[in-house]
Amino acid sequence: MKTALLSTFVAIIFSTILLSLGCQKKTAATNPNSQSKSKLHESTKPLQAADLVGYDGTKLRKSVHQISEANEKHNQEIEKMVEGEPDQ
């Protein structure tokens, strides 16, 4: 029972962190220069706390950084494609 409660608590915290990161990214997509890499690294510091419950917090942070950077690159490519299309 105690393990199930702890697992549920960790899952809720982890999903809340991911949801909040997703909300921040949506705001940054409207203004691509609003969030620098240093801010991204600062915003994922809470993921480091996953070490306290047995997860590898450093690995989680690196994974989130890679996903965020890939998403940023993808968004920039889409913006370039949209800007390159002629207005009709």
N, C-alpha and C. Protein backbone atom coordinates (compact mmCIF):
# COMPACT_ATOMS: atom_id res chain seq x y z
N MET A 1 0.83 -1.19 0.00
CA MET A 1 0.00 0.00 0.00
C MET A 1 0.87 1.25 0.00
N LYS A 2 1.91 1.22 0.82
CA LYS A 2 2.80 2.37 0.93
C LYS A 2 3.55 2.59 -0.39
N THR A 3 3.97 1.52 -1.03
CA THR A 3 4.68 1.61 -2.30
C THR A 3 3.75 2.14 -3.39
N ALA A 4 2.51 1.70 -3.41
CA ALA A 4 1.55 2.17 -4.41
C ALA A 4 1.28 3.65 -4.23
N LEU A 5 1.17 4.10 -2.99
CA LEU A 5 0.93 5.51 -2.71
C LEU A 5 2.13 6.35 -3.15
N LEU A 6 3.32 5.87 -2.87
CA LEU A 6 4.53 6.58 -3.28
C LEU A 6 4.64 6.63 -4.80
N SER A 7 4.34 5.53 -5.46
CA SER A 7 4.38 5.50 -6.93
C SER A 7 3.36 6.46 -7.53
N THR A 8 2.18 6.51 -6.96
CA THR A 8 1.16 7.44 -7.44
C THR A 8 1.60 8.87 -7.25
N PHE A 9 2.17 9.16 -6.10
CA PHE A 9 2.67 10.51 -5.80
C PHE A 9 3.75 10.92 -6.78
N VAL A 10 4.69 10.05 -7.06
CA VAL A 10 5.77 10.34 -8.01
C VAL A 10 5.20 10.55 -9.42
N ALA A 11 4.26 9.73 -9.81
CA ALA A 11 3.65 9.86 -11.14
C ALA A 11 2.92 11.19 -11.28
N ILE A 12 2.23 11.61 -10.24
CA ILE A 12 1.53 12.89 -10.28
C ILE A 12 2.52 14.05 -10.38
N ILE A 13 3.57 14.01 -9.60
CA ILE A 13 4.58 15.07 -9.65
C ILE A 13 5.25 15.12 -11.01
N PHE A 14 5.64 13.98 -11.52
CA PHE A 14 6.32 13.91 -12.82
C PHE A 14 5.41 14.42 -13.94
N SER A 15 4.14 14.00 -13.94
CA SER A 15 3.23 14.46 -14.98
C SER A 15 2.95 15.95 -14.86
N THR A 16 2.90 16.48 -13.64
CA THR A 16 2.71 17.92 -13.44
C THR A 16 3.89 18.70 -13.99
N ILE A 17 5.10 18.21 -13.75
CA ILE A 17 6.29 18.88 -14.27
C ILE A 17 6.28 18.87 -15.79
N LEU A 18 5.98 17.73 -16.38
CA LEU A 18 5.94 17.65 -17.85
C LEU A 18 4.85 18.55 -18.42
N LEU A 19 3.70 18.59 -17.77
CA LEU A 19 2.62 19.44 -18.23
C LEU A 19 3.01 20.91 -18.16
N SER A 20 3.66 21.29 -17.07
CA SER A 20 4.08 22.69 -16.95
C SER A 20 5.15 23.04 -17.97
N LEU A 21 6.02 22.11 -18.29
CA LEU A 21 7.02 22.36 -19.34
C LEU A 21 6.36 22.49 -20.70
N GLY A 22 5.34 21.70 -20.93
CA GLY A 22 4.61 21.80 -22.18
C GLY A 22 3.91 23.14 -22.32
N CYS A 23 3.35 23.65 -21.25
CA CYS A 23 2.69 24.95 -21.28
C CYS A 23 3.70 26.06 -21.54
N GLN A 24 4.86 25.97 -20.94
CA GLN A 24 5.89 26.97 -21.17
C GLN A 24 6.36 26.93 -22.61
N LYS A 25 6.46 25.77 -23.19
CA LYS A 25 6.94 25.65 -24.56
C LYS A 25 5.95 26.26 -25.53
N LYS A 26 4.66 26.14 -25.26
CA LYS A 26 3.66 26.71 -26.13
C LYS A 26 3.80 28.23 -26.15
N THR A 27 4.05 28.82 -25.02
CA THR A 27 4.26 30.26 -24.95
C THR A 27 5.52 30.65 -25.71
N ALA A 28 6.56 29.86 -25.59
CA ALA A 28 7.82 30.16 -26.27
C ALA A 28 7.68 29.99 -27.77
N ALA A 29 6.77 29.13 -28.23
CA ALA A 29 6.60 28.93 -29.66
C ALA A 29 6.04 30.19 -30.33
N THR A 30 5.25 30.98 -29.60
CA THR A 30 4.73 32.20 -30.18
C THR A 30 5.80 33.27 -30.26
N ASN A 31 6.79 33.19 -29.38
CA ASN A 31 7.91 34.12 -29.40
C ASN A 31 9.18 33.30 -29.25
N PRO A 32 9.80 32.85 -30.35
CA PRO A 32 10.90 31.89 -30.27
C PRO A 32 12.12 32.38 -29.49
N ASN A 33 12.31 33.67 -29.38
CA ASN A 33 13.48 34.19 -28.68
C ASN A 33 13.23 34.41 -27.20
N SER A 34 12.06 34.01 -26.71
CA SER A 34 11.72 34.30 -25.33
C SER A 34 12.43 33.40 -24.32
N GLN A 35 12.86 32.23 -24.74
CA GLN A 35 13.46 31.29 -23.79
C GLN A 35 14.82 30.84 -24.31
N SER A 36 15.86 31.23 -23.61
CA SER A 36 17.20 30.81 -24.01
C SER A 36 17.52 29.46 -23.42
N LYS A 37 18.64 28.90 -23.84
CA LYS A 37 19.03 27.59 -23.33
C LYS A 37 19.29 27.62 -21.82
N SER A 38 19.83 28.72 -21.33
CA SER A 38 20.10 28.80 -19.89
C SER A 38 18.80 28.78 -19.10
N LYS A 39 17.75 29.42 -19.63
CA LYS A 39 16.46 29.38 -18.95
C LYS A 39 15.87 27.98 -18.99
N LEU A 40 16.09 27.28 -20.09
CA LEU A 40 15.62 25.90 -20.20
C LEU A 40 16.28 25.04 -19.14
N HIS A 41 17.58 25.21 -18.98
CA HIS A 41 18.30 24.43 -17.98
C HIS A 41 17.83 24.78 -16.58
N GLU A 42 17.50 26.03 -16.34
CA GLU A 42 16.99 26.43 -15.02
C GLU A 42 15.60 25.85 -14.77
N SER A 43 14.77 25.81 -15.82
CA SER A 43 13.40 25.34 -15.63
C SER A 43 13.31 23.84 -15.39
N THR A 44 14.37 23.10 -15.72
CA THR A 44 14.34 21.65 -15.51
C THR A 44 15.06 21.22 -14.24
N LYS A 45 15.49 22.18 -13.44
CA LYS A 45 16.15 21.82 -12.19
C LYS A 45 15.27 20.97 -11.26
N PRO A 46 13.95 21.21 -11.22
CA PRO A 46 13.13 20.34 -10.35
C PRO A 46 13.20 18.87 -10.72
N LEU A 47 13.52 18.56 -11.98
CA LEU A 47 13.64 17.16 -12.37
C LEU A 47 14.79 16.47 -11.66
N GLN A 48 15.77 17.25 -11.24
CA GLN A 48 16.90 16.69 -10.51
C GLN A 48 16.44 16.06 -9.20
N ALA A 49 15.33 16.55 -8.64
CA ALA A 49 14.80 16.02 -7.39
C ALA A 49 14.29 14.59 -7.53
N ALA A 50 14.17 14.10 -8.75
CA ALA A 50 13.74 12.72 -8.95
C ALA A 50 14.75 11.74 -8.35
N ASP A 51 15.98 12.22 -8.11
CA ASP A 51 16.98 11.39 -7.45
C ASP A 51 16.51 10.95 -6.06
N LEU A 52 15.72 11.78 -5.42
CA LEU A 52 15.26 11.49 -4.06
C LEU A 52 14.33 10.29 -3.98
N VAL A 53 13.65 9.98 -5.08
CA VAL A 53 12.71 8.86 -5.06
C VAL A 53 13.21 7.68 -5.88
N GLY A 54 14.49 7.70 -6.25
CA GLY A 54 15.07 6.54 -6.89
C GLY A 54 15.25 6.62 -8.38
N TYR A 55 14.86 7.73 -9.00
CA TYR A 55 15.06 7.89 -10.44
C TYR A 55 16.37 8.63 -10.69
N ASP A 56 16.85 8.55 -11.90
CA ASP A 56 18.07 9.26 -12.27
C ASP A 56 17.69 10.66 -12.76
N GLY A 57 17.75 11.64 -11.87
CA GLY A 57 17.34 13.00 -12.19
C GLY A 57 18.17 13.63 -13.28
N THR A 58 19.46 13.36 -13.30
CA THR A 58 20.34 13.92 -14.32
C THR A 58 19.95 13.40 -15.69
N LYS A 59 19.68 12.11 -15.77
CA LYS A 59 19.28 11.51 -17.04
C LYS A 59 17.94 12.09 -17.50
N LEU A 60 17.01 12.30 -16.57
CA LEU A 60 15.72 12.90 -16.91
C LEU A 60 15.91 14.30 -17.47
N ARG A 61 16.76 15.11 -16.82
CA ARG A 61 17.00 16.48 -17.28
C ARG A 61 17.60 16.47 -18.68
N LYS A 62 18.58 15.60 -18.91
CA LYS A 62 19.20 15.54 -20.24
C LYS A 62 18.19 15.12 -21.29
N SER A 63 17.33 14.19 -20.94
CA SER A 63 16.31 13.74 -21.87
C SER A 63 15.34 14.87 -22.22
N VAL A 64 14.91 15.60 -21.22
CA VAL A 64 14.00 16.72 -21.45
C VAL A 64 14.70 17.80 -22.27
N HIS A 65 15.98 18.05 -22.02
CA HIS A 65 16.73 19.03 -22.80
C HIS A 65 16.79 18.62 -24.26
N GLN A 66 17.08 17.35 -24.51
CA GLN A 66 17.17 16.88 -25.89
C GLN A 66 15.83 17.01 -26.60
N ILE A 67 14.77 16.65 -25.92
CA ILE A 67 13.43 16.75 -26.51
C ILE A 67 13.08 18.21 -26.78
N SER A 68 13.38 19.08 -25.83
CA SER A 68 13.07 20.50 -26.00
C SER A 68 13.87 21.12 -27.13
N GLU A 69 15.14 20.77 -27.23
CA GLU A 69 15.97 21.31 -28.30
C GLU A 69 15.51 20.80 -29.66
N ALA A 70 15.13 19.53 -29.74
CA ALA A 70 14.62 18.99 -31.00
C ALA A 70 13.30 19.67 -31.38
N ASN A 71 12.47 19.91 -30.40
CA ASN A 71 11.20 20.60 -30.65
C ASN A 71 11.45 22.02 -31.12
N GLU A 72 12.38 22.71 -30.50
CA GLU A 72 12.74 24.07 -30.90
C GLU A 72 13.25 24.10 -32.34
N LYS A 73 14.09 23.15 -32.68
CA LYS A 73 14.62 23.07 -34.04
C LYS A 73 13.50 22.81 -35.04
N HIS A 74 12.59 21.90 -34.69
CA HIS A 74 11.46 21.59 -35.55
C HIS A 74 10.57 22.81 -35.74
N ASN A 75 10.31 23.55 -34.67
CA ASN A 75 9.49 24.75 -34.76
C ASN A 75 10.14 25.80 -35.66
N GLN A 76 11.45 25.94 -35.56
CA GLN A 76 12.15 26.90 -36.41
C GLN A 76 12.07 26.49 -37.88
N GLU A 77 12.19 25.20 -38.16
CA GLU A 77 12.07 24.73 -39.54
C GLU A 77 10.68 25.00 -40.09
N ILE A 78 9.67 24.78 -39.28
CA ILE A 78 8.29 25.04 -39.71
C ILE A 78 8.08 26.52 -39.97
N GLU A 79 8.61 27.37 -39.09
CA GLU A 79 8.49 28.82 -39.29
C GLU A 79 9.17 29.25 -40.58
N LYS A 80 10.32 28.69 -40.88
CA LYS A 80 11.02 29.02 -42.13
C LYS A 80 10.19 28.60 -43.34
N MET A 81 9.56 27.41 -43.26
CA MET A 81 8.73 26.95 -44.37
C MET A 81 7.51 27.85 -44.55
N VAL A 82 6.90 28.28 -43.46
CA VAL A 82 5.72 29.12 -43.52
C VAL A 82 6.09 30.50 -44.05
N GLU A 83 7.22 31.04 -43.63
CA GLU A 83 7.66 32.34 -44.10
C GLU A 83 8.04 32.31 -45.57
N GLY A 84 8.50 31.19 -46.06
CA GLY A 84 8.93 31.05 -47.44
C GLY A 84 7.78 30.92 -48.43
N GLU A 85 6.57 30.58 -47.95
CA GLU A 85 5.44 30.42 -48.84
C GLU A 85 4.91 31.79 -49.27
N PRO A 86 4.59 31.95 -50.56
CA PRO A 86 4.03 33.24 -51.01
C PRO A 86 2.58 33.39 -50.54
N ASP A 87 2.18 34.64 -50.26
CA ASP A 87 0.80 34.91 -49.86
C ASP A 87 -0.12 34.82 -51.07
N GLN A 88 -1.28 34.23 -50.88
CA GLN A 88 -2.22 34.08 -52.00
C GLN A 88 -3.48 34.87 -51.74
